[in-house]
């Protein structure tokens, strides 16, 4: 008696290289889609807060175009929105729990001016970032930098007044 065709197929079958590649490509596609979904869900809260801050700045401050919105936290969480009004004037808007503060960039220290001043005062420092912020109940420029004086890298944070560029305070970060 010869084996039936069904019996021949019921034995161990091996997957061909093409099928393995198809399964592997499907798994990689699944992983990529899951990664994108995860990243979008993690950023969803921040993006919603950012869009709310931009909407408040446009509505309450008369901005027609927004260049950037930065969340800043030191003493309290603050959103800083930089944008332009209908006359193409650049404004900064600090949104706090107590309300908003709007200041024109022209007539105050701009980022370029404060960078020049910082470079003159700290020739051995390497700037890491400069952001508008809120310190000691006033708008400021925050500098994070590494001071390379004496061959040591000392991470520091300095706060400069937004209005006149005066140094308000410097913190040298411990533990480095």
N, C-alpha and C. Protein backbone atom coordinates (compact mmCIF):
# COMPACT_ATOMS: atom_id res chain seq x y z
N UNK A 1 0.85 -1.16 0.00
CA UNK A 1 0.00 0.00 0.00
C UNK A 1 0.90 1.23 0.00
N UNK A 2 0.62 2.14 -0.88
CA UNK A 2 1.45 3.33 -0.98
C UNK A 2 0.87 4.44 -0.10
N UNK A 3 1.77 5.34 0.42
CA UNK A 3 1.27 6.42 1.28
C UNK A 3 0.37 7.38 0.51
N UNK A 4 -0.62 7.86 1.18
CA UNK A 4 -1.52 8.83 0.57
C UNK A 4 -0.84 10.18 0.46
N UNK A 5 -1.36 11.00 -0.42
CA UNK A 5 -0.79 12.33 -0.60
C UNK A 5 -0.89 13.16 0.67
N UNK A 6 -1.96 13.03 1.42
CA UNK A 6 -2.13 13.78 2.67
C UNK A 6 -1.08 13.36 3.69
N UNK A 7 -0.72 12.11 3.70
CA UNK A 7 0.29 11.65 4.64
C UNK A 7 1.66 12.23 4.29
N UNK A 8 1.92 12.40 3.03
CA UNK A 8 3.20 12.97 2.62
C UNK A 8 3.33 14.41 3.09
N UNK A 9 2.25 15.15 3.07
CA UNK A 9 2.28 16.56 3.47
C UNK A 9 2.30 16.73 4.98
N UNK A 10 1.87 15.78 5.73
CA UNK A 10 1.78 15.95 7.17
C UNK A 10 3.13 15.87 7.86
N UNK A 11 4.17 15.54 7.18
CA UNK A 11 5.50 15.49 7.78
C UNK A 11 6.03 16.89 8.04
N UNK A 12 7.23 16.94 8.56
CA UNK A 12 7.84 18.24 8.86
C UNK A 12 8.09 19.01 7.58
N UNK A 13 7.60 20.23 7.58
CA UNK A 13 7.87 21.09 6.42
C UNK A 13 8.80 22.20 6.86
N UNK A 14 9.67 22.57 6.02
CA UNK A 14 10.57 23.67 6.32
C UNK A 14 10.12 24.88 5.54
N UNK A 15 10.35 26.06 6.18
CA UNK A 15 9.98 27.30 5.49
C UNK A 15 11.12 27.67 4.56
N UNK A 16 10.74 28.13 3.44
CA UNK A 16 11.76 28.55 2.47
C UNK A 16 12.34 29.89 2.91
N UNK A 17 13.47 30.25 2.32
CA UNK A 17 14.12 31.52 2.65
C UNK A 17 13.20 32.70 2.33
N UNK A 18 12.43 32.63 1.28
CA UNK A 18 11.50 33.70 0.92
C UNK A 18 10.44 33.90 1.99
N UNK A 19 9.92 32.81 2.55
CA UNK A 19 8.90 32.93 3.60
C UNK A 19 9.51 33.53 4.87
N UNK A 20 10.73 33.12 5.22
CA UNK A 20 11.40 33.69 6.39
C UNK A 20 11.61 35.19 6.20
N UNK A 21 12.00 35.59 5.03
CA UNK A 21 12.21 37.02 4.75
C UNK A 21 10.89 37.78 4.86
N UNK A 22 9.81 37.18 4.37
CA UNK A 22 8.50 37.81 4.46
C UNK A 22 8.07 37.98 5.93
N UNK A 23 8.26 36.95 6.74
CA UNK A 23 7.91 37.01 8.16
C UNK A 23 8.79 38.05 8.86
N UNK A 24 10.08 38.07 8.57
CA UNK A 24 10.99 39.04 9.18
C UNK A 24 10.62 40.47 8.78
N UNK A 25 10.30 40.70 7.52
CA UNK A 25 9.91 42.04 7.07
C UNK A 25 8.61 42.48 7.75
N UNK A 26 7.67 41.56 7.91
CA UNK A 26 6.43 41.89 8.60
C UNK A 26 6.67 42.24 10.06
N UNK A 27 7.55 41.50 10.72
CA UNK A 27 7.87 41.78 12.12
C UNK A 27 8.54 43.14 12.26
N UNK A 28 9.50 43.45 11.38
CA UNK A 28 10.17 44.75 11.42
C UNK A 28 9.21 45.89 11.15
N UNK A 29 8.28 45.69 10.22
CA UNK A 29 7.26 46.71 9.95
C UNK A 29 6.37 46.92 11.17
N UNK A 30 5.99 45.84 11.82
CA UNK A 30 5.19 45.92 13.05
C UNK A 30 5.93 46.70 14.13
N UNK A 31 7.23 46.40 14.32
CA UNK A 31 8.03 47.11 15.33
C UNK A 31 8.13 48.60 15.00
N UNK A 32 8.33 48.94 13.73
CA UNK A 32 8.44 50.35 13.34
C UNK A 32 7.13 51.10 13.60
N UNK A 33 6.01 50.48 13.27
CA UNK A 33 4.71 51.11 13.50
C UNK A 33 4.47 51.30 15.00
N UNK A 34 4.81 50.31 15.79
CA UNK A 34 4.62 50.42 17.24
C UNK A 34 5.52 51.51 17.83
N UNK A 35 6.74 51.66 17.31
CA UNK A 35 7.64 52.70 17.79
C UNK A 35 7.08 54.09 17.47
N UNK A 36 6.56 54.27 16.28
CA UNK A 36 5.97 55.55 15.90
C UNK A 36 4.77 55.87 16.79
N UNK A 37 3.93 54.90 17.02
CA UNK A 37 2.76 55.11 17.88
C UNK A 37 3.19 55.46 19.30
N UNK A 38 4.21 54.79 19.81
CA UNK A 38 4.70 55.06 21.16
C UNK A 38 5.25 56.48 21.27
N UNK A 39 6.08 56.90 20.31
CA UNK A 39 6.67 58.24 20.36
C UNK A 39 5.59 59.31 20.26
N UNK A 40 4.61 59.10 19.39
CA UNK A 40 3.52 60.08 19.27
C UNK A 40 2.71 60.17 20.56
N UNK A 41 2.48 59.05 21.22
CA UNK A 41 1.70 59.09 22.44
C UNK A 41 2.48 59.74 23.58
N UNK A 42 3.79 59.55 23.61
CA UNK A 42 4.61 60.17 24.65
C UNK A 42 4.64 61.69 24.47
N UNK A 43 4.74 62.16 23.24
CA UNK A 43 4.82 63.60 22.96
C UNK A 43 3.46 64.29 22.90
N UNK A 44 2.38 63.55 22.98
CA UNK A 44 1.05 64.14 22.79
C UNK A 44 0.74 65.21 23.84
N UNK A 45 1.06 64.97 25.08
CA UNK A 45 0.78 65.96 26.13
C UNK A 45 1.57 67.23 25.95
N UNK A 46 2.85 67.09 25.64
CA UNK A 46 3.69 68.27 25.43
C UNK A 46 3.20 69.07 24.22
N UNK A 47 2.90 68.39 23.13
CA UNK A 47 2.43 69.09 21.93
C UNK A 47 1.10 69.79 22.18
N UNK A 48 0.22 69.18 22.95
CA UNK A 48 -1.06 69.82 23.27
C UNK A 48 -0.83 71.08 24.11
N UNK A 49 0.07 71.00 25.09
CA UNK A 49 0.40 72.18 25.90
C UNK A 49 1.03 73.27 25.05
N UNK A 50 1.90 72.88 24.13
CA UNK A 50 2.55 73.84 23.24
C UNK A 50 1.51 74.55 22.37
N UNK A 51 0.59 73.79 21.80
CA UNK A 51 -0.45 74.39 20.96
C UNK A 51 -1.36 75.32 21.77
N UNK A 52 -1.63 74.95 23.01
CA UNK A 52 -2.43 75.81 23.89
C UNK A 52 -1.69 77.11 24.18
N UNK A 53 -0.38 77.02 24.47
CA UNK A 53 0.41 78.22 24.74
C UNK A 53 0.45 79.14 23.53
N UNK A 54 0.57 78.58 22.35
CA UNK A 54 0.59 79.38 21.12
C UNK A 54 -0.77 80.04 20.91
N UNK A 55 -1.83 79.31 21.16
CA UNK A 55 -3.18 79.89 21.00
C UNK A 55 -3.40 81.03 21.98
N UNK A 56 -2.97 80.86 23.22
CA UNK A 56 -3.11 81.93 24.22
C UNK A 56 -2.30 83.16 23.82
N UNK A 57 -1.07 82.94 23.34
CA UNK A 57 -0.23 84.07 22.92
C UNK A 57 -0.85 84.82 21.76
N UNK A 58 -1.41 84.11 20.82
CA UNK A 58 -2.05 84.78 19.68
C UNK A 58 -3.31 85.53 20.11
N UNK A 59 -4.08 84.89 20.97
CA UNK A 59 -5.36 85.47 21.38
C UNK A 59 -5.18 86.67 22.31
N UNK A 60 -4.32 86.55 23.32
CA UNK A 60 -4.21 87.59 24.33
C UNK A 60 -3.13 88.62 24.04
N UNK A 61 -2.17 88.30 23.19
CA UNK A 61 -1.06 89.22 22.95
C UNK A 61 -1.05 89.81 21.54
N UNK A 62 -1.93 89.37 20.72
CA UNK A 62 -2.01 89.94 19.38
C UNK A 62 -0.94 89.45 18.42
N UNK A 63 -0.32 88.31 18.71
CA UNK A 63 0.66 87.77 17.78
C UNK A 63 -0.06 87.16 16.59
N UNK A 64 0.47 87.41 15.40
CA UNK A 64 -0.12 86.83 14.21
C UNK A 64 0.69 85.65 13.71
N UNK A 65 1.96 85.62 14.07
CA UNK A 65 2.85 84.54 13.62
C UNK A 65 3.74 84.15 14.80
N UNK A 66 3.92 82.86 15.01
CA UNK A 66 4.74 82.37 16.11
C UNK A 66 5.98 81.70 15.55
N UNK A 67 7.14 82.11 16.08
CA UNK A 67 8.41 81.53 15.65
C UNK A 67 8.77 80.31 16.49
N UNK A 68 8.56 80.41 17.80
CA UNK A 68 8.87 79.29 18.68
C UNK A 68 8.11 79.41 19.98
N UNK A 69 7.92 78.28 20.62
CA UNK A 69 7.33 78.22 21.95
C UNK A 69 8.18 77.28 22.77
N UNK A 70 8.65 77.77 23.92
CA UNK A 70 9.57 77.01 24.77
C UNK A 70 8.97 76.87 26.15
N UNK A 71 8.92 75.66 26.65
CA UNK A 71 8.49 75.46 28.02
C UNK A 71 9.71 75.62 28.90
N UNK A 72 9.57 76.42 29.95
CA UNK A 72 10.70 76.73 30.82
C UNK A 72 10.28 76.47 32.26
N UNK A 73 11.14 75.80 33.02
CA UNK A 73 10.85 75.56 34.42
C UNK A 73 12.10 75.85 35.25
N UNK A 74 11.95 76.75 36.18
CA UNK A 74 12.99 76.98 37.18
C UNK A 74 12.28 77.14 38.51
N UNK A 75 11.74 78.31 38.75
CA UNK A 75 10.97 78.52 39.98
C UNK A 75 9.52 78.08 39.79
N UNK A 76 9.04 78.20 38.58
CA UNK A 76 7.68 77.83 38.23
C UNK A 76 7.64 77.49 36.75
N UNK A 77 6.68 76.70 36.32
CA UNK A 77 6.59 76.41 34.88
C UNK A 77 6.06 77.62 34.12
N UNK A 78 6.74 77.95 33.03
CA UNK A 78 6.40 79.11 32.20
C UNK A 78 6.53 78.71 30.74
N UNK A 79 5.62 79.16 29.92
CA UNK A 79 5.77 79.02 28.48
C UNK A 79 6.24 80.36 27.94
N UNK A 80 7.28 80.33 27.13
CA UNK A 80 7.79 81.55 26.49
C UNK A 80 7.55 81.40 25.00
N UNK A 81 6.76 82.31 24.45
CA UNK A 81 6.41 82.27 23.03
C UNK A 81 7.03 83.49 22.36
N UNK A 82 7.73 83.24 21.27
CA UNK A 82 8.36 84.31 20.47
C UNK A 82 7.62 84.36 19.14
N UNK A 83 7.16 85.58 18.78
CA UNK A 83 6.43 85.72 17.53
C UNK A 83 6.37 87.16 17.08
N UNK A 84 5.60 87.38 16.02
CA UNK A 84 5.48 88.71 15.45
C UNK A 84 4.01 89.12 15.38
N UNK A 85 3.83 90.44 15.48
CA UNK A 85 2.48 90.98 15.38
C UNK A 85 2.19 91.41 13.94
N UNK A 86 1.09 92.10 13.74
CA UNK A 86 0.70 92.54 12.41
C UNK A 86 1.65 93.55 11.80
N UNK A 87 2.42 94.27 12.64
CA UNK A 87 3.39 95.26 12.15
C UNK A 87 4.78 94.66 11.96
N UNK A 88 4.88 93.34 12.03
CA UNK A 88 6.13 92.60 11.87
C UNK A 88 7.14 92.91 12.98
N UNK A 89 6.66 93.31 14.14
CA UNK A 89 7.52 93.53 15.31
C UNK A 89 7.63 92.21 16.07
N UNK A 90 8.84 91.90 16.54
CA UNK A 90 9.05 90.65 17.28
C UNK A 90 8.78 90.87 18.76
N UNK A 91 8.01 89.95 19.35
CA UNK A 91 7.61 90.03 20.74
C UNK A 91 7.90 88.71 21.44
N UNK A 92 8.17 88.80 22.73
CA UNK A 92 8.26 87.64 23.60
C UNK A 92 7.08 87.69 24.55
N UNK A 93 6.45 86.55 24.76
CA UNK A 93 5.30 86.46 25.67
C UNK A 93 5.60 85.38 26.69
N UNK A 94 5.61 85.75 27.97
CA UNK A 94 5.80 84.80 29.06
C UNK A 94 4.42 84.49 29.63
N UNK A 95 4.02 83.23 29.56
CA UNK A 95 2.72 82.81 30.07
C UNK A 95 2.93 82.08 31.39
N UNK A 96 2.42 82.71 32.47
CA UNK A 96 2.53 82.16 33.82
C UNK A 96 1.14 81.90 34.36
N UNK A 97 1.08 81.29 35.53
CA UNK A 97 -0.21 81.07 36.17
C UNK A 97 -0.88 82.39 36.50
N UNK A 98 -0.07 83.40 36.85
CA UNK A 98 -0.59 84.71 37.23
C UNK A 98 -1.06 85.54 36.04
N UNK A 99 -0.73 85.14 34.85
CA UNK A 99 -1.09 85.91 33.67
C UNK A 99 0.05 85.92 32.66
N UNK A 100 -0.03 86.86 31.74
CA UNK A 100 1.00 86.93 30.71
C UNK A 100 1.77 88.24 30.82
N UNK A 101 3.00 88.20 30.32
CA UNK A 101 3.85 89.38 30.22
C UNK A 101 4.37 89.43 28.80
N UNK A 102 4.18 90.57 28.15
CA UNK A 102 4.56 90.73 26.75
C UNK A 102 5.62 91.82 26.66
N UNK A 103 6.76 91.49 26.03
CA UNK A 103 7.83 92.46 25.86
C UNK A 103 8.33 92.39 24.43
N UNK A 104 8.59 93.58 23.89
CA UNK A 104 9.10 93.65 22.53
C UNK A 104 10.60 93.34 22.53
N UNK A 105 11.05 92.60 21.53
CA UNK A 105 12.47 92.27 21.45
C UNK A 105 13.31 93.52 21.23
N UNK A 106 12.85 94.38 20.37
CA UNK A 106 13.54 95.65 20.12
C UNK A 106 13.40 96.52 21.37
N UNK A 107 14.50 97.03 21.90
CA UNK A 107 14.46 97.84 23.11
C UNK A 107 14.87 97.05 24.34
N UNK A 108 14.96 95.73 24.21
CA UNK A 108 15.46 94.86 25.28
C UNK A 108 16.68 94.12 24.72
N UNK A 109 17.30 93.34 25.53
CA UNK A 109 18.47 92.59 25.08
C UNK A 109 18.01 91.41 24.22
N UNK A 110 18.46 91.39 22.98
CA UNK A 110 18.14 90.28 22.09
C UNK A 110 19.08 89.12 22.40
N UNK A 111 18.78 87.98 21.82
CA UNK A 111 19.63 86.82 22.03
C UNK A 111 21.04 87.06 21.50
N UNK A 112 21.16 87.72 20.36
CA UNK A 112 22.48 88.01 19.80
C UNK A 112 23.28 88.94 20.71
N UNK A 113 22.63 89.97 21.25
CA UNK A 113 23.32 90.90 22.14
C UNK A 113 23.78 90.21 23.42
N UNK A 114 22.93 89.36 23.98
CA UNK A 114 23.29 88.71 25.23
C UNK A 114 24.38 87.67 25.00
N UNK A 115 24.39 87.04 23.83
CA UNK A 115 25.48 86.11 23.50
C UNK A 115 26.82 86.85 23.40
N UNK A 116 26.79 88.04 22.78
CA UNK A 116 28.02 88.84 22.69
C UNK A 116 28.53 89.22 24.07
N UNK A 117 27.62 89.67 24.91
CA UNK A 117 28.01 90.06 26.27
C UNK A 117 28.57 88.87 27.05
N UNK A 118 27.91 87.74 26.92
CA UNK A 118 28.36 86.54 27.61
C UNK A 118 29.76 86.13 27.12
N UNK A 119 29.98 86.16 25.83
CA UNK A 119 31.28 85.80 25.28
C UNK A 119 32.38 86.72 25.78
N UNK A 120 32.06 88.00 25.92
CA UNK A 120 33.05 88.95 26.42
C UNK A 120 33.36 88.71 27.90
N UNK A 121 32.36 88.35 28.69
CA UNK A 121 32.56 88.12 30.11
C UNK A 121 33.15 86.74 30.42
N UNK A 122 32.90 85.77 29.56
CA UNK A 122 33.36 84.40 29.78
C UNK A 122 34.09 83.88 28.54
N UNK A 123 35.31 84.36 28.30
CA UNK A 123 36.00 83.94 27.07
C UNK A 123 36.38 82.46 27.07
N UNK A 124 36.48 81.82 28.22
CA UNK A 124 36.86 80.41 28.27
C UNK A 124 35.65 79.48 28.35
N UNK A 125 34.46 80.02 28.27
CA UNK A 125 33.25 79.21 28.41
C UNK A 125 32.76 78.70 27.06
N UNK A 126 32.23 77.49 27.10
CA UNK A 126 31.61 76.90 25.93
C UNK A 126 30.11 76.85 26.18
N UNK A 127 29.35 77.62 25.39
CA UNK A 127 27.90 77.72 25.58
C UNK A 127 27.23 76.41 25.16
N UNK A 128 26.33 75.94 26.01
CA UNK A 128 25.57 74.73 25.69
C UNK A 128 24.21 75.11 25.13
N UNK A 129 23.54 76.06 25.79
CA UNK A 129 22.25 76.54 25.27
C UNK A 129 21.91 77.88 25.89
N UNK A 130 21.10 78.62 25.17
CA UNK A 130 20.59 79.91 25.63
C UNK A 130 19.08 79.88 25.40
N UNK A 131 18.32 80.12 26.46
CA UNK A 131 16.86 80.13 26.34
C UNK A 131 16.27 81.29 27.12
N UNK A 132 15.17 81.84 26.63
CA UNK A 132 14.47 82.82 27.45
C UNK A 132 13.78 82.09 28.59
N UNK A 133 13.75 82.72 29.76
CA UNK A 133 13.16 82.06 30.91
C UNK A 133 12.59 83.05 31.90
N UNK A 134 12.39 82.56 33.11
CA UNK A 134 11.79 83.35 34.19
C UNK A 134 12.57 83.06 35.47
N UNK A 135 13.13 84.11 36.09
CA UNK A 135 13.94 83.94 37.29
C UNK A 135 13.74 85.15 38.18
N UNK A 136 13.58 84.94 39.46
CA UNK A 136 13.43 86.02 40.43
C UNK A 136 12.30 86.98 40.05
N UNK A 137 11.20 86.38 39.59
CA UNK A 137 9.99 87.12 39.24
C UNK A 137 10.19 88.13 38.10
N UNK A 138 11.04 87.78 37.15
CA UNK A 138 11.26 88.65 35.99
C UNK A 138 11.73 87.83 34.79
N UNK A 139 11.56 88.36 33.59
CA UNK A 139 12.04 87.64 32.39
C UNK A 139 13.56 87.70 32.30
N UNK A 140 14.15 86.59 31.88
CA UNK A 140 15.61 86.49 31.82
C UNK A 140 16.05 85.72 30.59
N UNK A 141 17.35 85.77 30.35
CA UNK A 141 18.03 84.87 29.43
C UNK A 141 18.81 83.89 30.31
N UNK A 142 18.61 82.61 30.09
CA UNK A 142 19.35 81.60 30.85
C UNK A 142 20.45 81.02 29.96
N UNK A 143 21.66 81.03 30.48
CA UNK A 143 22.81 80.42 29.80
C UNK A 143 23.21 79.17 30.54
N UNK A 144 23.29 78.07 29.84
CA UNK A 144 23.91 76.86 30.37
C UNK A 144 25.22 76.71 29.62
N UNK A 145 26.29 76.54 30.37
CA UNK A 145 27.59 76.50 29.73
C UNK A 145 28.58 75.71 30.57
N UNK A 146 29.69 75.39 29.96
CA UNK A 146 30.80 74.77 30.67
C UNK A 146 31.94 75.77 30.69
N UNK A 147 32.40 76.08 31.88
CA UNK A 147 33.52 77.00 32.03
C UNK A 147 34.80 76.18 31.99
N UNK A 148 35.64 76.45 31.01
CA UNK A 148 36.86 75.68 30.80
C UNK A 148 38.08 76.31 31.47
N UNK A 149 37.86 77.27 32.37
CA UNK A 149 38.97 77.93 33.06
C UNK A 149 39.72 76.93 33.93
N UNK A 150 40.99 77.10 34.07
CA UNK A 150 41.85 76.27 34.90
C UNK A 150 41.87 74.80 34.45
N UNK A 151 41.48 74.53 33.22
CA UNK A 151 41.50 73.17 32.72
C UNK A 151 40.38 72.29 33.24
N UNK A 152 39.49 72.81 34.06
CA UNK A 152 38.36 72.05 34.59
C UNK A 152 37.10 72.41 33.84
N UNK A 153 36.28 71.42 33.59
CA UNK A 153 34.98 71.69 32.98
C UNK A 153 33.96 71.78 34.10
N UNK A 154 33.50 72.99 34.36
CA UNK A 154 32.51 73.20 35.42
C UNK A 154 31.20 73.64 34.79
N UNK A 155 30.19 72.76 34.73
CA UNK A 155 28.90 73.17 34.19
C UNK A 155 28.27 74.25 35.08
N UNK A 156 27.75 75.29 34.45
CA UNK A 156 27.18 76.41 35.19
C UNK A 156 25.93 76.91 34.49
N UNK A 157 25.13 77.64 35.26
CA UNK A 157 23.94 78.30 34.74
C UNK A 157 24.00 79.75 35.20
N UNK A 158 23.87 80.67 34.24
CA UNK A 158 23.83 82.10 34.57
C UNK A 158 22.54 82.70 34.06
N UNK A 159 22.00 83.63 34.84
CA UNK A 159 20.76 84.31 34.47
C UNK A 159 21.06 85.78 34.23
N UNK A 160 20.65 86.28 33.06
CA UNK A 160 20.83 87.68 32.69
C UNK A 160 19.45 88.31 32.49
N UNK A 161 19.32 89.54 32.94
CA UNK A 161 18.06 90.27 32.80
C UNK A 161 17.71 90.43 31.32
N UNK A 162 16.44 90.20 31.00
CA UNK A 162 15.98 90.37 29.63
C UNK A 162 15.97 91.84 29.24
N UNK A 163 15.69 92.72 30.20
CA UNK A 163 15.56 94.14 29.90
C UNK A 163 16.90 94.82 29.64
N UNK A 164 17.86 94.63 30.55
CA UNK A 164 19.11 95.39 30.42
C UNK A 164 20.36 94.52 30.36
N UNK A 165 20.23 93.21 30.41
CA UNK A 165 21.36 92.31 30.27
C UNK A 165 22.27 92.18 31.47
N UNK A 166 21.85 92.68 32.63
CA UNK A 166 22.70 92.57 33.81
C UNK A 166 22.68 91.13 34.33
N UNK A 167 23.81 90.70 34.86
CA UNK A 167 23.92 89.37 35.44
C UNK A 167 23.16 89.36 36.77
N UNK A 168 22.21 88.42 36.90
CA UNK A 168 21.41 88.33 38.12
C UNK A 168 21.96 87.29 39.08
N UNK A 169 22.37 86.15 38.57
CA UNK A 169 22.89 85.10 39.44
C UNK A 169 23.57 84.04 38.58
N UNK A 170 24.53 83.33 39.20
CA UNK A 170 25.21 82.21 38.54
C UNK A 170 25.25 81.04 39.50
N UNK A 171 24.95 79.87 38.98
CA UNK A 171 25.02 78.64 39.76
C UNK A 171 26.05 77.72 39.10
N UNK A 172 27.00 77.25 39.89
CA UNK A 172 27.94 76.24 39.42
C UNK A 172 27.38 74.90 39.86
N UNK A 173 27.15 74.01 38.91
CA UNK A 173 26.52 72.74 39.23
C UNK A 173 27.52 71.80 39.90
N UNK A 174 27.16 71.24 41.02
CA UNK A 174 28.07 70.36 41.76
C UNK A 174 28.08 68.95 41.16
N UNK A 175 29.08 68.21 41.57
CA UNK A 175 29.11 66.80 41.23
C UNK A 175 29.69 66.46 39.89
N UNK A 176 30.37 67.37 39.25
CA UNK A 176 30.97 67.07 37.95
C UNK A 176 32.47 67.07 38.05
